[in-house]
Amino acid sequence: MINYEIVSSGSKGNCVIIEDVMIDCGVPFQKIKARLYEIRYLLLTHIHSDHIKPSTLKRIKELFPKIKIIANYEVAQTYGVDIISNNGYPIELQNYEFLPFECVHNVITQGFAWRKNNKDIIYATDTSSLKHAPKKAI
């Protein structure tokens, strides 16, 4: 069983938690603060403000420095991240191996695939096609 929570989805903000991985932080900080104590990784899919709320990201960085932030180079240039993700190149970490892949959107957008509890997880948002998604996680 995989534990997940859709904190928010839509034009007013996006944030999903899958086990100890948070994807996007386009919501007010207070809405996710209590959950951040259990988060190890924050995956940011793209630069749009409904996926990254700058004030929320700033507070995460300040108050939860143990959370590793992973995103593409466009997000990295604007906000700074711990690890820059490149489509098709696995990111090997202590607990996971994330595989970023291209999503089709009007800005550089990535989905991510990984395994947890012998289950494949593939997360993609704001895309018109999954043609670049892996058939299974790493």
N, C-alpha and C. Protein backbone atom coordinates (compact mmCIF):
# COMPACT_ATOMS: atom_id res chain seq x y z
N MET A 1 0.84 -1.18 0.00
CA MET A 1 0.00 0.00 0.00
C MET A 1 0.89 1.24 0.00
N ILE A 2 0.54 2.18 -0.81
CA ILE A 2 1.24 3.47 -0.89
C ILE A 2 0.34 4.52 -0.24
N ASN A 3 0.91 5.27 0.70
CA ASN A 3 0.17 6.36 1.33
C ASN A 3 0.34 7.62 0.50
N TYR A 4 -0.77 8.27 0.18
CA TYR A 4 -0.68 9.52 -0.57
C TYR A 4 -1.80 10.45 -0.14
N GLU A 5 -1.57 11.72 -0.40
CA GLU A 5 -2.57 12.74 -0.09
C GLU A 5 -2.51 13.82 -1.16
N ILE A 6 -3.64 14.14 -1.73
CA ILE A 6 -3.73 15.27 -2.64
C ILE A 6 -4.09 16.47 -1.77
N VAL A 7 -3.09 17.28 -1.47
CA VAL A 7 -3.31 18.46 -0.63
C VAL A 7 -4.13 19.49 -1.39
N SER A 8 -3.77 19.69 -2.66
CA SER A 8 -4.50 20.64 -3.50
C SER A 8 -4.18 20.33 -4.95
N SER A 9 -5.18 20.50 -5.82
CA SER A 9 -4.98 20.28 -7.24
C SER A 9 -5.85 21.26 -8.01
N GLY A 10 -5.23 22.05 -8.86
CA GLY A 10 -6.00 23.00 -9.66
C GLY A 10 -5.28 24.32 -9.79
N SER A 11 -5.93 25.26 -10.43
CA SER A 11 -5.30 26.54 -10.72
C SER A 11 -5.01 27.39 -9.48
N LYS A 12 -5.62 27.04 -8.34
CA LYS A 12 -5.36 27.78 -7.10
C LYS A 12 -4.22 27.19 -6.29
N GLY A 13 -3.62 26.11 -6.78
CA GLY A 13 -2.47 25.54 -6.09
C GLY A 13 -2.40 24.04 -6.22
N ASN A 14 -1.17 23.53 -6.31
CA ASN A 14 -0.94 22.10 -6.46
C ASN A 14 0.08 21.62 -5.44
N CYS A 15 -0.23 20.49 -4.82
CA CYS A 15 0.67 19.86 -3.88
C CYS A 15 0.15 18.45 -3.61
N VAL A 16 1.02 17.47 -3.78
CA VAL A 16 0.67 16.08 -3.54
C VAL A 16 1.77 15.47 -2.69
N ILE A 17 1.39 14.62 -1.75
CA ILE A 17 2.36 13.91 -0.92
C ILE A 17 2.19 12.42 -1.17
N ILE A 18 3.30 11.76 -1.52
CA ILE A 18 3.32 10.31 -1.70
C ILE A 18 4.40 9.78 -0.76
N GLU A 19 3.96 9.13 0.31
CA GLU A 19 4.88 8.66 1.36
C GLU A 19 5.66 9.86 1.91
N ASP A 20 6.99 9.86 1.74
CA ASP A 20 7.81 10.96 2.27
C ASP A 20 8.32 11.88 1.15
N VAL A 21 7.59 11.91 0.05
CA VAL A 21 7.93 12.76 -1.10
C VAL A 21 6.77 13.73 -1.32
N MET A 22 7.10 15.01 -1.40
CA MET A 22 6.11 16.03 -1.74
C MET A 22 6.38 16.47 -3.17
N ILE A 23 5.33 16.59 -3.96
CA ILE A 23 5.45 17.09 -5.31
C ILE A 23 4.74 18.42 -5.39
N ASP A 24 5.50 19.43 -5.71
CA ASP A 24 5.05 20.82 -5.84
C ASP A 24 4.62 21.42 -4.50
N CYS A 25 4.71 22.74 -4.44
CA CYS A 25 4.36 23.46 -3.20
C CYS A 25 3.66 24.76 -3.56
N GLY A 26 2.62 24.66 -4.37
CA GLY A 26 1.89 25.84 -4.81
C GLY A 26 0.75 26.23 -3.90
N VAL A 27 0.92 25.97 -2.61
CA VAL A 27 -0.13 26.24 -1.61
C VAL A 27 0.46 27.08 -0.48
N PRO A 28 -0.38 27.70 0.34
CA PRO A 28 0.14 28.44 1.48
C PRO A 28 0.94 27.53 2.43
N PHE A 29 1.99 28.07 2.99
CA PHE A 29 2.87 27.30 3.87
C PHE A 29 2.10 26.66 5.02
N GLN A 30 1.19 27.39 5.64
CA GLN A 30 0.46 26.86 6.79
C GLN A 30 -0.35 25.61 6.44
N LYS A 31 -0.72 25.48 5.18
CA LYS A 31 -1.51 24.32 4.76
C LYS A 31 -0.69 23.02 4.77
N ILE A 32 0.64 23.14 4.65
CA ILE A 32 1.49 21.95 4.60
C ILE A 32 2.51 21.85 5.74
N LYS A 33 2.60 22.87 6.55
CA LYS A 33 3.65 22.94 7.58
C LYS A 33 3.71 21.67 8.43
N ALA A 34 2.62 21.20 8.95
CA ALA A 34 2.63 20.02 9.84
C ALA A 34 3.12 18.77 9.13
N ARG A 35 2.91 18.70 7.83
CA ARG A 35 3.31 17.51 7.06
C ARG A 35 4.81 17.50 6.73
N LEU A 36 5.45 18.67 6.76
CA LEU A 36 6.83 18.80 6.32
C LEU A 36 7.83 18.06 7.22
N TYR A 37 7.46 17.78 8.44
CA TYR A 37 8.37 17.07 9.35
C TYR A 37 8.69 15.67 8.85
N GLU A 38 7.81 15.10 8.04
CA GLU A 38 7.98 13.73 7.54
C GLU A 38 8.52 13.68 6.10
N ILE A 39 8.67 14.82 5.47
CA ILE A 39 9.07 14.87 4.06
C ILE A 39 10.59 14.84 3.93
N ARG A 40 11.08 13.99 3.01
CA ARG A 40 12.52 13.92 2.71
C ARG A 40 12.87 14.65 1.42
N TYR A 41 11.95 14.59 0.44
CA TYR A 41 12.24 15.15 -0.88
C TYR A 41 11.06 15.99 -1.36
N LEU A 42 11.39 17.11 -2.01
CA LEU A 42 10.39 17.97 -2.64
C LEU A 42 10.73 18.01 -4.12
N LEU A 43 9.86 17.45 -4.93
CA LEU A 43 10.01 17.46 -6.39
C LEU A 43 9.18 18.60 -6.95
N LEU A 44 9.82 19.48 -7.70
CA LEU A 44 9.11 20.60 -8.30
C LEU A 44 9.00 20.36 -9.80
N THR A 45 7.78 20.33 -10.31
CA THR A 45 7.55 19.94 -11.70
C THR A 45 7.83 21.05 -12.70
N HIS A 46 7.48 22.29 -12.33
CA HIS A 46 7.73 23.42 -13.23
C HIS A 46 7.50 24.74 -12.51
N ILE A 47 7.80 25.81 -13.23
CA ILE A 47 7.92 27.13 -12.63
C ILE A 47 6.60 27.87 -12.37
N HIS A 48 5.51 27.41 -12.89
CA HIS A 48 4.25 28.14 -12.72
C HIS A 48 3.88 28.29 -11.25
N SER A 49 3.27 29.44 -10.93
CA SER A 49 3.00 29.79 -9.54
C SER A 49 1.95 28.91 -8.86
N ASP A 50 1.16 28.19 -9.62
CA ASP A 50 0.23 27.26 -8.97
C ASP A 50 0.93 25.96 -8.58
N HIS A 51 2.21 25.84 -8.94
CA HIS A 51 3.01 24.67 -8.55
C HIS A 51 4.13 25.04 -7.60
N ILE A 52 4.56 26.29 -7.64
CA ILE A 52 5.55 26.79 -6.69
C ILE A 52 5.07 28.14 -6.18
N LYS A 53 4.70 28.18 -4.93
CA LYS A 53 4.37 29.45 -4.29
C LYS A 53 5.69 29.95 -3.68
N PRO A 54 6.26 31.03 -4.19
CA PRO A 54 7.59 31.46 -3.75
C PRO A 54 7.74 31.60 -2.24
N SER A 55 6.74 32.16 -1.58
CA SER A 55 6.85 32.33 -0.12
C SER A 55 6.85 30.99 0.61
N THR A 56 6.11 30.03 0.09
CA THR A 56 6.09 28.69 0.69
C THR A 56 7.44 28.02 0.50
N LEU A 57 7.98 28.08 -0.70
CA LEU A 57 9.29 27.46 -0.96
C LEU A 57 10.36 28.10 -0.09
N LYS A 58 10.32 29.40 0.06
CA LYS A 58 11.30 30.10 0.90
C LYS A 58 11.23 29.61 2.35
N ARG A 59 10.05 29.45 2.89
CA ARG A 59 9.89 28.99 4.27
C ARG A 59 10.31 27.53 4.43
N ILE A 60 10.04 26.72 3.42
CA ILE A 60 10.50 25.32 3.47
C ILE A 60 12.03 25.30 3.55
N LYS A 61 12.68 26.08 2.71
CA LYS A 61 14.14 26.14 2.72
C LYS A 61 14.69 26.62 4.06
N GLU A 62 14.05 27.62 4.63
CA GLU A 62 14.52 28.19 5.89
C GLU A 62 14.27 27.28 7.08
N LEU A 63 13.09 26.70 7.16
CA LEU A 63 12.69 25.95 8.35
C LEU A 63 12.89 24.44 8.25
N PHE A 64 13.04 23.93 7.04
CA PHE A 64 13.20 22.48 6.85
C PHE A 64 14.37 22.20 5.90
N PRO A 65 15.58 22.60 6.29
CA PRO A 65 16.72 22.44 5.39
C PRO A 65 17.08 20.98 5.08
N LYS A 66 16.57 20.05 5.85
CA LYS A 66 16.85 18.62 5.59
C LYS A 66 16.12 18.12 4.34
N ILE A 67 15.08 18.81 3.91
CA ILE A 67 14.33 18.40 2.72
C ILE A 67 15.16 18.74 1.48
N LYS A 68 15.44 17.72 0.67
CA LYS A 68 16.18 17.90 -0.57
C LYS A 68 15.20 18.34 -1.66
N ILE A 69 15.52 19.44 -2.32
CA ILE A 69 14.66 20.00 -3.35
C ILE A 69 15.24 19.65 -4.72
N ILE A 70 14.41 19.06 -5.57
CA ILE A 70 14.83 18.57 -6.87
C ILE A 70 13.93 19.20 -7.94
N ALA A 71 14.56 19.76 -8.98
CA ALA A 71 13.79 20.39 -10.05
C ALA A 71 14.66 20.62 -11.28
N ASN A 72 14.01 20.99 -12.37
CA ASN A 72 14.74 21.25 -13.62
C ASN A 72 15.53 22.56 -13.54
N TYR A 73 16.34 22.81 -14.57
CA TYR A 73 17.24 23.96 -14.55
C TYR A 73 16.51 25.30 -14.55
N GLU A 74 15.33 25.38 -15.16
CA GLU A 74 14.60 26.64 -15.16
C GLU A 74 14.15 27.00 -13.74
N VAL A 75 13.64 26.03 -13.02
CA VAL A 75 13.26 26.25 -11.63
C VAL A 75 14.51 26.57 -10.82
N ALA A 76 15.59 25.85 -11.06
CA ALA A 76 16.85 26.06 -10.33
C ALA A 76 17.37 27.48 -10.51
N GLN A 77 17.29 28.00 -11.73
CA GLN A 77 17.78 29.36 -11.99
C GLN A 77 16.97 30.40 -11.25
N THR A 78 15.70 30.18 -11.10
CA THR A 78 14.82 31.16 -10.45
C THR A 78 14.84 31.04 -8.93
N TYR A 79 14.81 29.81 -8.42
CA TYR A 79 14.64 29.62 -6.98
C TYR A 79 15.81 28.96 -6.27
N GLY A 80 16.67 28.29 -7.03
CA GLY A 80 17.74 27.52 -6.40
C GLY A 80 17.18 26.22 -5.86
N VAL A 81 17.87 25.13 -6.13
CA VAL A 81 17.45 23.81 -5.67
C VAL A 81 18.70 23.05 -5.21
N ASP A 82 18.48 21.91 -4.57
CA ASP A 82 19.62 21.09 -4.15
C ASP A 82 20.15 20.23 -5.28
N ILE A 83 19.24 19.74 -6.12
CA ILE A 83 19.62 18.85 -7.22
C ILE A 83 18.87 19.27 -8.47
N ILE A 84 19.61 19.48 -9.57
CA ILE A 84 18.99 19.81 -10.85
C ILE A 84 18.70 18.50 -11.57
N SER A 85 17.45 18.33 -11.97
CA SER A 85 17.03 17.11 -12.65
C SER A 85 17.07 17.30 -14.15
N ASN A 86 17.50 16.25 -14.84
CA ASN A 86 17.57 16.25 -16.31
C ASN A 86 16.77 15.07 -16.83
N ASN A 87 15.94 15.33 -17.83
CA ASN A 87 15.08 14.29 -18.39
C ASN A 87 15.89 13.06 -18.80
N GLY A 88 15.43 11.89 -18.33
CA GLY A 88 16.06 10.64 -18.71
C GLY A 88 17.27 10.24 -17.91
N TYR A 89 17.72 11.08 -17.00
CA TYR A 89 18.89 10.77 -16.17
C TYR A 89 18.45 10.53 -14.73
N PRO A 90 18.63 9.32 -14.24
CA PRO A 90 18.20 8.98 -12.88
C PRO A 90 18.94 9.81 -11.83
N ILE A 91 18.24 10.08 -10.76
CA ILE A 91 18.82 10.76 -9.60
C ILE A 91 18.85 9.72 -8.49
N GLU A 92 20.04 9.27 -8.14
CA GLU A 92 20.19 8.23 -7.13
C GLU A 92 20.41 8.86 -5.76
N LEU A 93 19.51 8.56 -4.84
CA LEU A 93 19.58 9.09 -3.49
C LEU A 93 19.53 7.93 -2.51
N GLN A 94 19.62 8.23 -1.25
CA GLN A 94 19.68 7.18 -0.23
C GLN A 94 18.45 6.27 -0.28
N ASN A 95 17.27 6.82 -0.38
CA ASN A 95 16.04 6.03 -0.30
C ASN A 95 15.35 5.78 -1.63
N TYR A 96 15.71 6.55 -2.63
CA TYR A 96 15.01 6.48 -3.91
C TYR A 96 15.97 6.66 -5.08
N GLU A 97 15.47 6.26 -6.21
CA GLU A 97 16.08 6.62 -7.49
C GLU A 97 14.94 7.22 -8.30
N PHE A 98 14.99 8.54 -8.48
CA PHE A 98 13.97 9.25 -9.24
C PHE A 98 14.40 9.33 -10.70
N LEU A 99 13.46 9.11 -11.60
CA LEU A 99 13.73 9.27 -13.03
C LEU A 99 12.84 10.40 -13.56
N PRO A 100 13.44 11.57 -13.83
CA PRO A 100 12.65 12.66 -14.41
C PRO A 100 12.41 12.44 -15.90
N PHE A 101 11.25 12.87 -16.36
CA PHE A 101 10.93 12.75 -17.78
C PHE A 101 10.17 13.99 -18.24
N GLU A 102 10.24 14.25 -19.52
CA GLU A 102 9.63 15.44 -20.10
C GLU A 102 8.11 15.32 -20.16
N CYS A 103 7.46 16.39 -19.75
CA CYS A 103 6.02 16.53 -19.93
C CYS A 103 5.79 17.61 -20.99
N VAL A 104 4.67 17.53 -21.67
CA VAL A 104 4.37 18.47 -22.75
C VAL A 104 3.51 19.60 -22.19
N HIS A 105 4.11 20.78 -22.07
CA HIS A 105 3.45 21.94 -21.48
C HIS A 105 4.07 23.18 -22.12
N ASN A 106 3.61 24.36 -21.75
CA ASN A 106 4.13 25.58 -22.38
C ASN A 106 5.39 26.12 -21.69
N VAL A 107 5.87 25.46 -20.65
CA VAL A 107 7.16 25.75 -20.02
C VAL A 107 7.85 24.41 -19.78
N ILE A 108 9.11 24.44 -19.43
CA ILE A 108 9.84 23.21 -19.15
C ILE A 108 9.19 22.54 -17.94
N THR A 109 8.68 21.34 -18.16
CA THR A 109 7.94 20.62 -17.13
C THR A 109 8.42 19.18 -17.08
N GLN A 110 8.55 18.67 -15.85
CA GLN A 110 8.99 17.29 -15.68
C GLN A 110 7.99 16.51 -14.86
N GLY A 111 7.88 15.24 -15.23
CA GLY A 111 7.24 14.26 -14.38
C GLY A 111 8.34 13.45 -13.74
N PHE A 112 7.99 12.60 -12.80
CA PHE A 112 8.98 11.79 -12.10
C PHE A 112 8.44 10.38 -11.92
N ALA A 113 9.34 9.41 -12.03
CA ALA A 113 9.00 8.02 -11.77
C ALA A 113 9.96 7.49 -10.72
N TRP A 114 9.44 6.64 -9.82
CA TRP A 114 10.27 5.99 -8.81
C TRP A 114 9.56 4.77 -8.27
N ARG A 115 10.23 4.00 -7.45
CA ARG A 115 9.64 2.81 -6.84
C ARG A 115 9.57 3.00 -5.33
N LYS A 116 8.50 2.48 -4.76
CA LYS A 116 8.33 2.48 -3.30
C LYS A 116 7.54 1.23 -2.95
N ASN A 117 8.02 0.47 -1.98
CA ASN A 117 7.35 -0.77 -1.55
C ASN A 117 7.05 -1.69 -2.75
N ASN A 118 8.03 -1.82 -3.63
CA ASN A 118 7.90 -2.67 -4.83
C ASN A 118 6.76 -2.24 -5.75
N LYS A 119 6.37 -0.99 -5.68
CA LYS A 119 5.33 -0.44 -6.55
C LYS A 119 5.93 0.69 -7.39
N ASP A 120 5.56 0.73 -8.66
CA ASP A 120 5.98 1.82 -9.53
C ASP A 120 5.09 3.03 -9.32
N ILE A 121 5.72 4.18 -9.19
CA ILE A 121 4.99 5.44 -9.06
C ILE A 121 5.42 6.33 -10.23
N ILE A 122 4.46 6.82 -10.95
CA ILE A 122 4.73 7.77 -12.03
C ILE A 122 3.82 8.96 -11.81
N TYR A 123 4.43 10.14 -11.67
CA TYR A 123 3.68 11.36 -11.40
C TYR A 123 3.94 12.35 -12.53
N ALA A 124 2.87 12.85 -13.12
CA ALA A 124 2.97 13.87 -14.17
C ALA A 124 1.80 14.84 -14.00
N THR A 125 2.06 16.10 -14.31
CA THR A 125 1.03 17.11 -14.17
C THR A 125 1.11 18.10 -15.33
N ASP A 126 0.03 18.77 -15.61
CA ASP A 126 -0.03 19.82 -16.63
C ASP A 126 0.61 19.38 -17.95
N THR A 127 0.28 18.21 -18.40
CA THR A 127 0.85 17.71 -19.64
C THR A 127 -0.25 17.30 -20.60
N SER A 128 -0.01 17.50 -21.87
CA SER A 128 -0.98 17.10 -22.88
C SER A 128 -0.68 15.71 -23.43
N SER A 129 0.44 15.11 -22.97
CA SER A 129 0.82 13.79 -23.46
C SER A 129 1.76 13.11 -22.46
N LEU A 130 1.67 11.81 -22.41
CA LEU A 130 2.61 11.02 -21.60
C LEU A 130 3.58 10.25 -22.50
N LYS A 131 3.81 10.75 -23.70
CA LYS A 131 4.64 10.03 -24.65
C LYS A 131 6.09 9.86 -24.17
N HIS A 132 6.56 10.70 -23.25
CA HIS A 132 7.93 10.59 -22.76
C HIS A 132 8.03 9.85 -21.42
N ALA A 133 6.90 9.48 -20.89
CA ALA A 133 6.89 8.78 -19.58
C ALA A 133 7.47 7.39 -19.73
N PRO A 134 8.20 6.93 -18.73
CA PRO A 134 8.71 5.55 -18.79
C PRO A 134 7.56 4.56 -18.66
N LYS A 135 7.73 3.38 -19.17
CA LYS A 135 6.71 2.34 -19.06
C LYS A 135 6.57 1.86 -17.62
N LYS A 136 7.67 1.96 -16.87
CA LYS A 136 7.65 1.62 -15.45
C LYS A 136 8.74 2.43 -14.77
N ALA A 137 8.67 2.51 -13.46
CA ALA A 137 9.70 3.23 -12.71
C ALA A 137 10.99 2.43 -12.76
N ILE A 138 12.02 3.02 -12.29
CA ILE A 138 13.36 2.41 -12.32
C ILE A 138 13.39 1.15 -11.48
